[in-house]
Amino acid sequence: VKVKPEGKLWLEDVIDMIESAGSAQLYPVLKRPDEKFVTEQAYSNPRFVEDMVREVALAFDREDRVAAYEIEVENHESIHDHNAYAFLA
């Protein structure tokens, strides 16, 4: 993500907008029972790369402190011969 701010825009706010567009919350470390919960949560709320780009763009559009942006998402596929990619400027 590249963001051109309008006024004061905290990095943490940008990160929150990006992370909220995913299938599930991100965690640096998970125990086995927690991993099951996050996997089930992501399965019930699937997001493809184009969904992620769209959701982040909508969040940025709602934010007056974001003047312009570029969003790039790549999913490193494990079951296909290619990666999924989406870009919006």
PDB file of N, CA and C in Angstrom:
ATOM      1  N   VAL A   1       0.846  -1.171   0.000  1.00  0.00           N
ATOM      2  CA  VAL A   1       0.000   0.000   0.000  1.00  0.00           C
ATOM      3  C   VAL A   1       0.889   1.230   0.000  1.00  0.00           C
ATOM      4  N   LYS A   2       0.526   2.184  -0.832  1.00  0.00           N
ATOM      5  CA  LYS A   2       1.125   3.514  -0.805  1.00  0.00           C
ATOM      6  C   LYS A   2       0.000   4.489  -0.516  1.00  0.00           C
ATOM      7  N   VAL A   3       0.203   5.346   0.478  1.00  0.00           N
ATOM      8  CA  VAL A   3      -0.835   6.291   0.881  1.00  0.00           C
ATOM      9  C   VAL A   3      -0.258   7.695   0.892  1.00  0.00           C
ATOM     10  N   LYS A   4      -0.987   8.625   0.270  1.00  0.00           N
ATOM     11  CA  LYS A   4      -0.641  10.040   0.362  1.00  0.00           C
ATOM     12  C   LYS A   4      -1.599  10.654   1.378  1.00  0.00           C
ATOM     13  N   PRO A   5      -1.075  11.046   2.547  1.00  0.00           N
ATOM     14  CA  PRO A   5      -1.965  11.554   3.589  1.00  0.00           C
ATOM     15  C   PRO A   5      -2.387  13.000   3.344  1.00  0.00           C
ATOM     16  N   GLU A   6      -3.512  13.325   3.917  1.00  0.00           N
ATOM     17  CA  GLU A   6      -4.025  14.692   3.963  1.00  0.00           C
ATOM     18  C   GLU A   6      -4.069  15.046   5.438  1.00  0.00           C
ATOM     19  N   GLY A   7      -3.074  15.768   5.915  1.00  0.00           N
ATOM     20  CA  GLY A   7      -2.986  16.047   7.342  1.00  0.00           C
ATOM     21  C   GLY A   7      -2.273  14.917   8.060  1.00  0.00           C
ATOM     22  N   LYS A   8      -2.551  14.772   9.350  1.00  0.00           N
ATOM     23  CA  LYS A   8      -1.878  13.763  10.174  1.00  0.00           C
ATOM     24  C   LYS A   8      -2.612  12.433  10.067  1.00  0.00           C
ATOM     25  N   LEU A   9      -1.919  11.434   9.577  1.00  0.00           N
ATOM     26  CA  LEU A   9      -2.467  10.080   9.438  1.00  0.00           C
ATOM     27  C   LEU A   9      -1.495   9.116  10.099  1.00  0.00           C
ATOM     28  N   TRP A  10      -1.948   8.459  11.144  1.00  0.00           N
ATOM     29  CA  TRP A  10      -1.088   7.533  11.876  1.00  0.00           C
ATOM     30  C   TRP A  10      -0.921   6.226  11.117  1.00  0.00           C
ATOM     31  N   LEU A  11       0.282   5.692  11.129  1.00  0.00           N
ATOM     32  CA  LEU A  11       0.572   4.412  10.494  1.00  0.00           C
ATOM     33  C   LEU A  11      -0.311   3.307  11.068  1.00  0.00           C
ATOM     34  N   GLU A  12      -0.543   3.333  12.367  1.00  0.00           N
ATOM     35  CA  GLU A  12      -1.378   2.325  13.012  1.00  0.00           C
ATOM     36  C   GLU A  12      -2.804   2.335  12.463  1.00  0.00           C
ATOM     37  N   ASP A  13      -3.315   3.520  12.119  1.00  0.00           N
ATOM     38  CA  ASP A  13      -4.652   3.615  11.533  1.00  0.00           C
ATOM     39  C   ASP A  13      -4.688   2.981  10.145  1.00  0.00           C
ATOM     40  N   VAL A  14      -3.635   3.198   9.374  1.00  0.00           N
ATOM     41  CA  VAL A  14      -3.548   2.594   8.038  1.00  0.00           C
ATOM     42  C   VAL A  14      -3.475   1.074   8.157  1.00  0.00           C
ATOM     43  N   ILE A  15      -2.656   0.597   9.081  1.00  0.00           N
ATOM     44  CA  ILE A  15      -2.524  -0.844   9.289  1.00  0.00           C
ATOM     45  C   ILE A  15      -3.859  -1.452   9.697  1.00  0.00           C
ATOM     46  N   ASP A  16      -4.588  -0.796  10.590  1.00  0.00           N
ATOM     47  CA  ASP A  16      -5.901  -1.295  11.010  1.00  0.00           C
ATOM     48  C   ASP A  16      -6.866  -1.384   9.830  1.00  0.00           C
ATOM     49  N   MET A  17      -6.860  -0.371   8.954  1.00  0.00           N
ATOM     50  CA  MET A  17      -7.745  -0.391   7.784  1.00  0.00           C
ATOM     51  C   MET A  17      -7.398  -1.546   6.860  1.00  0.00           C
ATOM     52  N   ILE A  18      -6.116  -1.809   6.698  1.00  0.00           N
ATOM     53  CA  ILE A  18      -5.673  -2.897   5.816  1.00  0.00           C
ATOM     54  C   ILE A  18      -6.027  -4.255   6.428  1.00  0.00           C
ATOM     55  N   GLU A  19      -5.670  -4.448   7.693  1.00  0.00           N
ATOM     56  CA  GLU A  19      -5.907  -5.745   8.339  1.00  0.00           C
ATOM     57  C   GLU A  19      -7.387  -6.070   8.461  1.00  0.00           C
ATOM     58  N   SER A  20      -8.232  -5.072   8.602  1.00  0.00           N
ATOM     59  CA  SER A  20      -9.666  -5.340   8.731  1.00  0.00           C
ATOM     60  C   SER A  20     -10.287  -5.816   7.425  1.00  0.00           C
ATOM     61  N   ALA A  21      -9.567  -5.693   6.321  1.00  0.00           N
ATOM     62  CA  ALA A  21     -10.077  -6.133   5.021  1.00  0.00           C
ATOM     63  C   ALA A  21      -9.844  -7.618   4.769  1.00  0.00           C
ATOM     64  N   GLY A  22      -9.113  -8.286   5.641  1.00  0.00           N
ATOM     65  CA  GLY A  22      -8.791  -9.694   5.437  1.00  0.00           C
ATOM     66  C   GLY A  22      -9.894 -10.640   5.867  1.00  0.00           C
ATOM     67  N   SER A  23      -9.656 -11.905   5.633  1.00  0.00           N
ATOM     68  CA  SER A  23     -10.615 -12.952   5.991  1.00  0.00           C
ATOM     69  C   SER A  23     -10.719 -13.148   7.496  1.00  0.00           C
ATOM     70  N   ALA A  24      -9.619 -12.922   8.203  1.00  0.00           N
ATOM     71  CA  ALA A  24      -9.571 -13.114   9.649  1.00  0.00           C
ATOM     72  C   ALA A  24      -8.473 -12.230  10.217  1.00  0.00           C
ATOM     73  N   GLN A  25      -8.523 -12.042  11.519  1.00  0.00           N
ATOM     74  CA  GLN A  25      -7.504 -11.241  12.188  1.00  0.00           C
ATOM     75  C   GLN A  25      -6.148 -11.918  12.050  1.00  0.00           C
ATOM     76  N   LEU A  26      -5.076 -11.121  11.999  1.00  0.00           N
ATOM     77  CA  LEU A  26      -3.723 -11.648  11.911  1.00  0.00           C
ATOM     78  C   LEU A  26      -3.116 -11.799  13.299  1.00  0.00           C
ATOM     79  N   TYR A  27      -2.374 -12.891  13.489  1.00  0.00           N
ATOM     80  CA  TYR A  27      -1.698 -13.146  14.756  1.00  0.00           C
ATOM     81  C   TYR A  27      -0.259 -13.554  14.460  1.00  0.00           C
ATOM     82  N   PRO A  28       0.701 -13.060  15.244  1.00  0.00           N
ATOM     83  CA  PRO A  28       2.097 -13.439  14.990  1.00  0.00           C
ATOM     84  C   PRO A  28       2.398 -14.885  15.376  1.00  0.00           C
ATOM     85  N   VAL A  29       1.717 -15.388  16.407  1.00  0.00           N
ATOM     86  CA  VAL A  29       1.933 -16.757  16.892  1.00  0.00           C
ATOM     87  C   VAL A  29       0.587 -17.322  17.330  1.00  0.00           C
ATOM     88  N   LEU A  30       0.357 -18.591  16.982  1.00  0.00           N
ATOM     89  CA  LEU A  30      -0.888 -19.250  17.387  1.00  0.00           C
ATOM     90  C   LEU A  30      -0.598 -20.626  17.965  1.00  0.00           C
ATOM     91  N   LYS A  31      -1.374 -20.996  18.983  1.00  0.00           N
ATOM     92  CA  LYS A  31      -1.363 -22.365  19.471  1.00  0.00           C
ATOM     93  C   LYS A  31      -2.365 -23.154  18.626  1.00  0.00           C
ATOM     94  N   ARG A  32      -2.279 -24.457  18.650  1.00  0.00           N
ATOM     95  CA  ARG A  32      -3.117 -25.314  17.809  1.00  0.00           C
ATOM     96  C   ARG A  32      -4.615 -25.006  17.916  1.00  0.00           C
ATOM     97  N   PRO A  33      -5.203 -24.882  19.111  1.00  0.00           N
ATOM     98  CA  PRO A  33      -6.645 -24.573  19.191  1.00  0.00           C
ATOM     99  C   PRO A  33      -6.976 -23.195  18.586  1.00  0.00           C
ATOM    100  N   ASP A  34      -6.078 -22.228  18.764  1.00  0.00           N
ATOM    101  CA  ASP A  34      -6.295 -20.900  18.194  1.00  0.00           C
ATOM    102  C   ASP A  34      -6.204 -20.939  16.670  1.00  0.00           C
ATOM    103  N   GLU A  35      -5.292 -21.750  16.160  1.00  0.00           N
ATOM    104  CA  GLU A  35      -5.143 -21.894  14.707  1.00  0.00           C
ATOM    105  C   GLU A  35      -6.435 -22.437  14.098  1.00  0.00           C
ATOM    106  N   LYS A  36      -7.060 -23.380  14.766  1.00  0.00           N
ATOM    107  CA  LYS A  36      -8.333 -23.929  14.293  1.00  0.00           C
ATOM    108  C   LYS A  36      -9.395 -22.836  14.238  1.00  0.00           C
ATOM    109  N   PHE A  37      -9.477 -22.010  15.282  1.00  0.00           N
ATOM    110  CA  PHE A  37     -10.454 -20.924  15.330  1.00  0.00           C
ATOM    111  C   PHE A  37     -10.237 -19.938  14.183  1.00  0.00           C
ATOM    112  N   VAL A  38      -8.999 -19.528  13.966  1.00  0.00           N
ATOM    113  CA  VAL A  38      -8.693 -18.550  12.912  1.00  0.00           C
ATOM    114  C   VAL A  38      -8.974 -19.147  11.534  1.00  0.00           C
ATOM    115  N   THR A  39      -8.646 -20.409  11.331  1.00  0.00           N
ATOM    116  CA  THR A  39      -8.912 -21.074  10.051  1.00  0.00           C
ATOM    117  C   THR A  39     -10.409 -21.133   9.783  1.00  0.00           C
ATOM    118  N   GLU A  40     -11.185 -21.471  10.798  1.00  0.00           N
ATOM    119  CA  GLU A  40     -12.642 -21.520  10.628  1.00  0.00           C
ATOM    120  C   GLU A  40     -13.222 -20.136  10.379  1.00  0.00           C
ATOM    121  N   GLN A  41     -12.689 -19.136  11.050  1.00  0.00           N
ATOM    122  CA  GLN A  41     -13.134 -17.756  10.844  1.00  0.00           C
ATOM    123  C   GLN A  41     -12.842 -17.313   9.402  1.00  0.00           C
ATOM    124  N   ALA A  42     -11.657 -17.604   8.912  1.00  0.00           N
ATOM    125  CA  ALA A  42     -11.285 -17.234   7.549  1.00  0.00           C
ATOM    126  C   ALA A  42     -12.131 -17.997   6.524  1.00  0.00           C
ATOM    127  N   TYR A  43     -12.425 -19.237   6.815  1.00  0.00           N
ATOM    128  CA  TYR A  43     -13.247 -20.048   5.909  1.00  0.00           C
ATOM    129  C   TYR A  43     -14.667 -19.496   5.803  1.00  0.00           C
ATOM    130  N   SER A  44     -15.189 -18.959   6.910  1.00  0.00           N
ATOM    131  CA  SER A  44     -16.551 -18.426   6.892  1.00  0.00           C
ATOM    132  C   SER A  44     -16.600 -16.999   6.338  1.00  0.00           C
ATOM    133  N   ASN A  45     -15.447 -16.377   6.123  1.00  0.00           N
ATOM    134  CA  ASN A  45     -15.378 -15.010   5.602  1.00  0.00           C
ATOM    135  C   ASN A  45     -14.293 -14.926   4.527  1.00  0.00           C
ATOM    136  N   PRO A  46     -14.423 -15.683   3.424  1.00  0.00           N
ATOM    137  CA  PRO A  46     -13.348 -15.719   2.432  1.00  0.00           C
ATOM    138  C   PRO A  46     -13.155 -14.380   1.731  1.00  0.00           C
ATOM    139  N   ARG A  47     -11.906 -14.022   1.515  1.00  0.00           N
ATOM    140  CA  ARG A  47     -11.561 -12.806   0.779  1.00  0.00           C
ATOM    141  C   ARG A  47     -10.508 -13.163  -0.260  1.00  0.00           C
ATOM    142  N   PHE A  48     -10.813 -12.841  -1.496  1.00  0.00           N
ATOM    143  CA  PHE A  48      -9.852 -13.011  -2.578  1.00  0.00           C
ATOM    144  C   PHE A  48      -9.067 -11.719  -2.732  1.00  0.00           C
ATOM    145  N   VAL A  49      -8.013 -11.716  -3.536  1.00  0.00           N
ATOM    146  CA  VAL A  49      -7.179 -10.524  -3.672  1.00  0.00           C
ATOM    147  C   VAL A  49      -8.000  -9.326  -4.144  1.00  0.00           C
ATOM    148  N   GLU A  50      -8.933  -9.548  -5.064  1.00  0.00           N
ATOM    149  CA  GLU A  50      -9.749  -8.434  -5.553  1.00  0.00           C
ATOM    150  C   GLU A  50     -10.690  -7.917  -4.463  1.00  0.00           C
ATOM    151  N   ASP A  51     -11.135  -8.805  -3.575  1.00  0.00           N
ATOM    152  CA  ASP A  51     -11.955  -8.377  -2.439  1.00  0.00           C
ATOM    153  C   ASP A  51     -11.128  -7.525  -1.476  1.00  0.00           C
ATOM    154  N   MET A  52      -9.893  -7.954  -1.227  1.00  0.00           N
ATOM    155  CA  MET A  52      -9.011  -7.200  -0.335  1.00  0.00           C
ATOM    156  C   MET A  52      -8.754  -5.801  -0.882  1.00  0.00           C
ATOM    157  N   VAL A  53      -8.432  -5.708  -2.164  1.00  0.00           N
ATOM    158  CA  VAL A  53      -8.178  -4.401  -2.774  1.00  0.00           C
ATOM    159  C   VAL A  53      -9.419  -3.519  -2.651  1.00  0.00           C
ATOM    160  N   ARG A  54     -10.569  -4.076  -2.950  1.00  0.00           N
ATOM    161  CA  ARG A  54     -11.821  -3.318  -2.893  1.00  0.00           C
ATOM    162  C   ARG A  54     -12.116  -2.834  -1.471  1.00  0.00           C
ATOM    163  N   GLU A  55     -11.978  -3.710  -0.483  1.00  0.00           N
ATOM    164  CA  GLU A  55     -12.276  -3.349   0.903  1.00  0.00           C
ATOM    165  C   GLU A  55     -11.311  -2.295   1.450  1.00  0.00           C
ATOM    166  N   VAL A  56     -10.039  -2.413   1.114  1.00  0.00           N
ATOM    167  CA  VAL A  56      -9.070  -1.407   1.558  1.00  0.00           C
ATOM    168  C   VAL A  56      -9.373  -0.071   0.879  1.00  0.00           C
ATOM    169  N   ALA A  57      -9.692  -0.089  -0.405  1.00  0.00           N
ATOM    170  CA  ALA A  57     -10.033   1.146  -1.126  1.00  0.00           C
ATOM    171  C   ALA A  57     -11.262   1.809  -0.500  1.00  0.00           C
ATOM    172  N   LEU A  58     -12.264   1.032  -0.165  1.00  0.00           N
ATOM    173  CA  LEU A  58     -13.460   1.592   0.470  1.00  0.00           C
ATOM    174  C   LEU A  58     -13.123   2.227   1.826  1.00  0.00           C
ATOM    175  N   ALA A  59     -12.263   1.573   2.589  1.00  0.00           N
ATOM    176  CA  ALA A  59     -11.849   2.129   3.881  1.00  0.00           C
ATOM    177  C   ALA A  59     -11.084   3.437   3.685  1.00  0.00           C
ATOM    178  N   PHE A  60     -10.186   3.465   2.706  1.00  0.00           N
ATOM    179  CA  PHE A  60      -9.430   4.690   2.422  1.00  0.00           C
ATOM    180  C   PHE A  60     -10.353   5.795   1.903  1.00  0.00           C
ATOM    181  N   ASP A  61     -11.327   5.432   1.085  1.00  0.00           N
ATOM    182  CA  ASP A  61     -12.269   6.432   0.558  1.00  0.00           C
ATOM    183  C   ASP A  61     -13.099   7.072   1.670  1.00  0.00           C
ATOM    184  N   ARG A  62     -13.391   6.322   2.713  1.00  0.00           N
ATOM    185  CA  ARG A  62     -14.162   6.846   3.843  1.00  0.00           C
ATOM    186  C   ARG A  62     -13.319   7.733   4.762  1.00  0.00           C
ATOM    187  N   GLU A  63     -12.007   7.654   4.622  1.00  0.00           N
ATOM    188  CA  GLU A  63     -11.088   8.362   5.518  1.00  0.00           C
ATOM    189  C   GLU A  63     -10.650   9.690   4.896  1.00  0.00           C
ATOM    190  N   ASP A  64     -11.050  10.802   5.522  1.00  0.00           N
ATOM    191  CA  ASP A  64     -10.710  12.134   5.005  1.00  0.00           C
ATOM    192  C   ASP A  64      -9.213  12.405   5.013  1.00  0.00           C
ATOM    193  N   ARG A  65      -8.470  11.697   5.853  1.00  0.00           N
ATOM    194  CA  ARG A  65      -7.021  11.929   5.953  1.00  0.00           C
ATOM    195  C   ARG A  65      -6.229  11.226   4.850  1.00  0.00           C
ATOM    196  N   VAL A  66      -6.893  10.469   3.981  1.00  0.00           N
ATOM    197  CA  VAL A  66      -6.219   9.803   2.860  1.00  0.00           C
ATOM    198  C   VAL A  66      -6.540  10.577   1.589  1.00  0.00           C
ATOM    199  N   ALA A  67      -5.510  11.207   1.000  1.00  0.00           N
ATOM    200  CA  ALA A  67      -5.702  12.007  -0.219  1.00  0.00           C
ATOM    201  C   ALA A  67      -5.616  11.139  -1.472  1.00  0.00           C
ATOM    202  N   ALA A  68      -4.720  10.159  -1.475  1.00  0.00           N
ATOM    203  CA  ALA A  68      -4.537   9.273  -2.633  1.00  0.00           C
ATOM    204  C   ALA A  68      -3.902   7.978  -2.149  1.00  0.00           C
ATOM    205  N   TYR A  69      -4.018   6.927  -2.969  1.00  0.00           N
ATOM    206  CA  TYR A  69      -3.468   5.635  -2.562  1.00  0.00           C
ATOM    207  C   TYR A  69      -3.243   4.724  -3.761  1.00  0.00           C
ATOM    208  N   GLU A  70      -2.392   3.730  -3.550  1.00  0.00           N
ATOM    209  CA  GLU A  70      -2.217   2.587  -4.443  1.00  0.00           C
ATOM    210  C   GLU A  70      -2.283   1.353  -3.558  1.00  0.00           C
ATOM    211  N   ILE A  71      -2.979   0.341  -4.043  1.00  0.00           N
ATOM    212  CA  ILE A  71      -3.127  -0.895  -3.274  1.00  0.00           C
ATOM    213  C   ILE A  71      -2.711  -2.061  -4.154  1.00  0.00           C
ATOM    214  N   GLU A  72      -1.880  -2.917  -3.617  1.00  0.00           N
ATOM    215  CA  GLU A  72      -1.393  -4.079  -4.348  1.00  0.00           C
ATOM    216  C   GLU A  72      -1.490  -5.289  -3.422  1.00  0.00           C
ATOM    217  N   VAL A  73      -2.118  -6.356  -3.901  1.00  0.00           N
ATOM    218  CA  VAL A  73      -2.282  -7.567  -3.101  1.00  0.00           C
ATOM    219  C   VAL A  73      -1.847  -8.763  -3.932  1.00  0.00           C
ATOM    220  N   GLU A  74      -1.040  -9.632  -3.324  1.00  0.00           N
ATOM    221  CA  GLU A  74      -0.639 -10.878  -3.978  1.00  0.00           C
ATOM    222  C   GLU A  74      -0.837 -12.021  -3.001  1.00  0.00           C
ATOM    223  N   ASN A  75      -1.501 -13.071  -3.454  1.00  0.00           N
ATOM    224  CA  ASN A  75      -1.680 -14.273  -2.661  1.00  0.00           C
ATOM    225  C   ASN A  75      -0.762 -15.348  -3.234  1.00  0.00           C
ATOM    226  N   HIS A  76       0.146 -15.817  -2.420  1.00  0.00           N
ATOM    227  CA  HIS A  76       1.074 -16.864  -2.846  1.00  0.00           C
ATOM    228  C   HIS A  76       0.342 -18.200  -2.766  1.00  0.00           C
ATOM    229  N   GLU A  77      -0.060 -18.678  -3.904  1.00  0.00           N
ATOM    230  CA  GLU A  77      -0.894 -19.878  -3.993  1.00  0.00           C
ATOM    231  C   GLU A  77      -0.116 -21.136  -3.621  1.00  0.00           C
ATOM    232  N   SER A  78      -0.779 -22.023  -2.921  1.00  0.00           N
ATOM    233  CA  SER A  78      -0.158 -23.294  -2.567  1.00  0.00           C
ATOM    234  C   SER A  78      -0.734 -24.448  -3.382  1.00  0.00           C
ATOM    235  N   ILE A  79      -1.904 -24.241  -4.006  1.00  0.00           N
ATOM    236  CA  ILE A  79      -2.524 -25.337  -4.755  1.00  0.00           C
ATOM    237  C   ILE A  79      -2.624 -25.062  -6.256  1.00  0.00           C
ATOM    238  N   HIS A  80      -2.163 -23.884  -6.696  1.00  0.00           N
ATOM    239  CA  HIS A  80      -2.191 -23.562  -8.116  1.00  0.00           C
ATOM    240  C   HIS A  80      -0.777 -23.283  -8.614  1.00  0.00           C
ATOM    241  N   ASP A  81      -0.608 -23.285  -9.928  1.00  0.00           N
ATOM    242  CA  ASP A  81       0.696 -23.017 -10.522  1.00  0.00           C
ATOM    243  C   ASP A  81       0.990 -21.522 -10.632  1.00  0.00           C
ATOM    244  N   HIS A  82       0.076 -20.686 -10.188  1.00  0.00           N
ATOM    245  CA  HIS A  82       0.241 -19.241 -10.312  1.00  0.00           C
ATOM    246  C   HIS A  82      -0.227 -18.551  -9.023  1.00  0.00           C
ATOM    247  N   ASN A  83       0.228 -17.330  -8.824  1.00  0.00           N
ATOM    248  CA  ASN A  83      -0.231 -16.531  -7.687  1.00  0.00           C
ATOM    249  C   ASN A  83      -1.396 -15.662  -8.130  1.00  0.00           C
ATOM    250  N   ALA A  84      -2.230 -15.279  -7.202  1.00  0.00           N
ATOM    251  CA  ALA A  84      -3.334 -14.355  -7.486  1.00  0.00           C
ATOM    252  C   ALA A  84      -2.839 -12.951  -7.168  1.00  0.00           C
ATOM    253  N   TYR A  85      -3.182 -11.983  -8.042  1.00  0.00           N
ATOM    254  CA  TYR A  85      -2.659 -10.627  -7.918  1.00  0.00           C
ATOM    255  C   TYR A  85      -3.737  -9.618  -8.267  1.00  0.00           C
ATOM    256  N   ALA A  86      -3.800  -8.517  -7.510  1.00  0.00           N
ATOM    257  CA  ALA A  86      -4.729  -7.424  -7.817  1.00  0.00           C
ATOM    258  C   ALA A  86      -4.051  -6.111  -7.480  1.00  0.00           C
ATOM    259  N   PHE A  87      -4.344  -5.080  -8.279  1.00  0.00           N
ATOM    260  CA  PHE A  87      -3.735  -3.753  -8.090  1.00  0.00           C
ATOM    261  C   PHE A  87      -4.774  -2.692  -8.387  1.00  0.00           C
ATOM    262  N   LEU A  88      -4.761  -1.617  -7.587  1.00  0.00           N
ATOM    263  CA  LEU A  88      -5.662  -0.491  -7.806  1.00  0.00           C
ATOM    264  C   LEU A  88      -4.907   0.792  -7.474  1.00  0.00           C
ATOM    265  N   ALA A  89      -4.986   1.751  -8.385  1.00  0.00           N
ATOM    266  CA  ALA A  89      -4.337   3.057  -8.144  1.00  0.00           C
ATOM    267  C   ALA A  89      -5.374   4.148  -8.294  1.00  0.00           C
TER     268      ALA A  89
END
